[in-house]
Structure formats: C-alpha cells, structure tokens
Amino acid sequence: MDIQWIMRSLRQRYPFLMVDRVLEHEPDRRIKGIKLVTINEPYFAGHFPDEPVMPGVMIVEAMTQTAGLIYSDAESGYLVALNNVKFTRFVTPGDVLVIEAEALERVGPFAKARVRATVDGQEVSRAEISYKFMSRGRE
C-alpha cells in the first residue's frame, strides 16, 4: 500500500506523517510498514545537531500510526494508552525503521496492538498501544 492509501487512512500530514509505505496488511490482524529516516526530518535540527538521533517520541508516533492502520476501516483513531514501552537502540538518519504490529483485541471503539520496530533486523523499540476510534469531528 502506497503513500496515497496511507494518506487516505491517516489524518496526519507533514511533518507528522510517519509512515512511508505499508508492506503487508491483514485488516484487523497485522501490519508491516516502514518509515524512511532522513536527515531532512525537522527534529534533527535540534536533536542533536552534531549527532542526530531520532527522538523516542517520534519512534512511538511512527509505531502508533502504523499499528493504527491495522484498523483501516475506522474513521479516526486516537492514542489512549502506551504500555510496556522500551527503547533498545538509537535510530539515526539513513535508517529504515521497519514497524510490525499485531492486533491484540478490539472491543467497541477501543483497540489494542502489540508493536515492534526494528532497523536492520535489530529491535529498536516495542510497546503495546491502545486506541479509541470514532467518527471524525466527534469527541
């Protein structure tokens, strides 16, 4: 699934769109996507100029967006909880962040996914992420 499908499915836009491509997708079951990490990312100007490292919060955002695409039938998803978040390696410009997620449960408007991010086959982060899905414009 290309960037056009991703942009139809997610509300985020530059500089917060953190999924570049979906490689595999089984709706309501699992997904595998990538984020191409380039030196042109706006956060690298200040994190850190002499030794650029992707902020953990941006890794989590990429994981959250990718995992949320498992539930591509939902109109709009919002992050409601992060559990068991771990960071195990730095992500730097030139890395390809591969994000794999599996659905854990979905009850009414709530859903949970287990997510793992890797670079070159080495884990950089993992988490359990919970969402609330609703129609756009509703709170």
Protein backbone atom coordinates (compact mmCIF):
# COMPACT_ATOMS: atom_id res chain seq x y z
CA MET A 1 0.00 0.00 0.00
CA ASP A 2 1.47 3.26 -1.11
CA ILE A 3 1.51 6.76 0.35
CA GLN A 4 -1.83 7.63 -1.27
CA TRP A 5 -3.58 4.83 0.64
CA ILE A 6 -1.78 5.84 3.83
CA MET A 7 -2.86 9.48 3.44
CA ARG A 8 -6.48 8.42 2.86
CA SER A 9 -6.30 6.31 6.02
CA LEU A 10 -4.43 8.68 8.39
CA ARG A 11 -5.17 12.30 9.25
CA GLN A 12 -1.53 13.25 9.93
CA ARG A 13 0.39 15.28 7.36
CA TYR A 14 3.94 16.59 7.04
CA PRO A 15 5.84 16.91 9.28
CA PHE A 16 3.87 14.40 11.39
CA LEU A 17 3.07 11.72 8.82
CA MET A 18 5.41 8.96 9.98
CA VAL A 19 4.56 6.03 7.69
CA ASP A 20 6.08 5.94 4.19
CA ARG A 21 4.87 2.56 2.95
CA VAL A 22 2.85 -0.44 4.04
CA LEU A 23 4.50 -3.70 3.00
CA GLU A 24 1.95 -6.16 4.42
CA HIS A 25 -1.58 -5.68 5.76
CA GLU A 26 -4.18 -8.10 7.06
CA PRO A 27 -7.07 -5.88 8.26
CA ASP A 28 -7.85 -6.32 11.95
CA ARG A 29 -4.93 -8.77 12.32
CA ARG A 30 -1.47 -7.42 11.49
CA ILE A 31 0.55 -4.88 9.51
CA LYS A 32 4.14 -4.22 8.47
CA GLY A 33 5.22 -0.75 7.39
CA ILE A 34 8.31 1.40 7.03
CA LYS A 35 9.48 4.87 7.92
CA LEU A 36 12.47 6.08 5.94
CA VAL A 37 14.55 8.17 8.34
CA THR A 38 16.32 11.02 6.54
CA ILE A 39 18.50 13.90 7.72
CA ASN A 40 15.77 16.21 6.35
CA GLU A 41 13.44 15.37 9.27
CA PRO A 42 12.73 18.68 11.07
CA TYR A 43 13.55 17.31 14.54
CA PHE A 44 17.17 16.57 13.58
CA ALA A 45 17.91 20.32 13.56
CA GLY A 46 17.77 20.24 17.35
CA HIS A 47 18.05 16.54 18.33
CA PHE A 48 21.06 16.60 18.17
CA PRO A 49 22.80 18.77 15.54
CA ASP A 50 26.24 17.16 15.90
CA GLU A 51 24.97 13.62 16.48
CA PRO A 52 21.42 13.25 15.10
CA VAL A 53 19.21 10.75 16.92
CA MET A 54 15.52 10.21 16.19
CA PRO A 55 13.58 11.22 19.32
CA GLY A 56 11.89 8.33 21.10
CA VAL A 57 8.57 10.13 20.95
CA MET A 58 8.82 10.19 17.13
CA ILE A 59 9.59 6.45 17.06
CA VAL A 60 6.48 5.91 19.17
CA GLU A 61 4.48 8.15 16.81
CA ALA A 62 5.61 6.08 13.81
CA MET A 63 4.67 2.90 15.68
CA THR A 64 1.28 4.35 16.69
CA GLN A 65 0.40 5.44 13.16
CA THR A 66 1.48 2.16 11.60
CA ALA A 67 -0.35 -0.02 14.12
CA GLY A 68 -3.46 2.13 13.82
CA LEU A 69 -3.60 1.22 10.13
CA ILE A 70 -4.43 -2.36 11.13
CA TYR A 71 -7.91 -0.97 11.78
CA SER A 72 -8.15 0.83 8.45
CA ASP A 73 -11.95 0.63 8.46
CA ALA A 74 -12.11 3.09 11.37
CA GLU A 75 -12.66 6.74 10.52
CA SER A 76 -10.36 8.30 13.08
CA GLY A 77 -8.18 6.81 15.78
CA TYR A 78 -6.76 8.45 18.86
CA LEU A 79 -3.97 7.21 21.10
CA VAL A 80 -5.30 6.50 24.60
CA ALA A 81 -2.53 4.45 26.24
CA LEU A 82 1.05 3.24 25.87
CA ASN A 83 2.19 0.26 27.89
CA ASN A 84 5.48 -1.57 28.26
CA VAL A 85 7.35 0.87 26.01
CA LYS A 86 11.03 0.02 25.61
CA PHE A 87 13.82 1.59 23.56
CA THR A 88 16.81 -0.62 22.86
CA ARG A 89 18.85 1.15 20.17
CA PHE A 90 19.31 4.59 18.57
CA VAL A 91 17.70 5.42 15.22
CA THR A 92 19.75 7.75 13.01
CA PRO A 93 19.48 9.30 9.53
CA GLY A 94 19.71 6.69 6.79
CA ASP A 95 17.95 4.01 8.84
CA VAL A 96 14.86 2.23 7.58
CA LEU A 97 12.53 1.80 10.52
CA VAL A 98 10.50 -1.38 9.98
CA ILE A 99 7.37 -1.48 12.11
CA GLU A 100 5.38 -4.65 12.66
CA ALA A 101 2.17 -4.76 14.66
CA GLU A 102 -0.42 -7.33 15.57
CA ALA A 103 -3.93 -6.71 16.81
CA LEU A 104 -4.50 -7.89 20.36
CA GLU A 105 -8.15 -7.02 20.91
CA ARG A 106 -10.95 -4.75 19.76
CA VAL A 107 -13.98 -4.00 21.91
CA GLY A 108 -16.43 -1.40 20.68
CA PRO A 109 -14.48 1.75 19.82
CA PHE A 110 -11.34 0.57 21.68
CA ALA A 111 -8.49 -1.48 20.25
CA LYS A 112 -5.04 -2.60 21.34
CA ALA A 113 -1.98 -3.65 19.34
CA ARG A 114 1.47 -5.06 20.11
CA VAL A 115 4.12 -3.21 18.09
CA ARG A 116 7.81 -3.79 17.40
CA ALA A 117 10.19 -1.51 15.48
CA THR A 118 13.49 -2.72 14.03
CA VAL A 119 16.42 -1.40 11.98
CA ASP A 120 18.46 -3.96 10.04
CA GLY A 121 16.71 -6.74 11.94
CA GLN A 122 17.66 -5.35 15.36
CA GLU A 123 14.89 -4.22 17.69
CA VAL A 124 14.89 -0.50 18.48
CA SER A 125 11.56 -0.26 20.31
CA ARG A 126 8.47 -2.16 21.35
CA ALA A 127 5.17 -1.27 23.00
CA GLU A 128 1.52 -2.09 23.50
CA ILE A 129 -0.62 0.71 22.13
CA SER A 130 -4.32 1.37 22.81
CA TYR A 131 -6.64 3.42 20.60
CA LYS A 132 -10.12 4.84 20.61
CA PHE A 133 -11.78 5.02 17.22
CA MET A 134 -14.63 7.41 16.39
CA SER A 135 -16.12 9.38 13.55
CA ARG A 136 -14.14 12.46 12.61
CA GLY A 137 -15.29 15.59 14.34
CA ARG A 138 -16.79 13.69 17.31
CA GLU A 139 -15.34 13.67 20.79
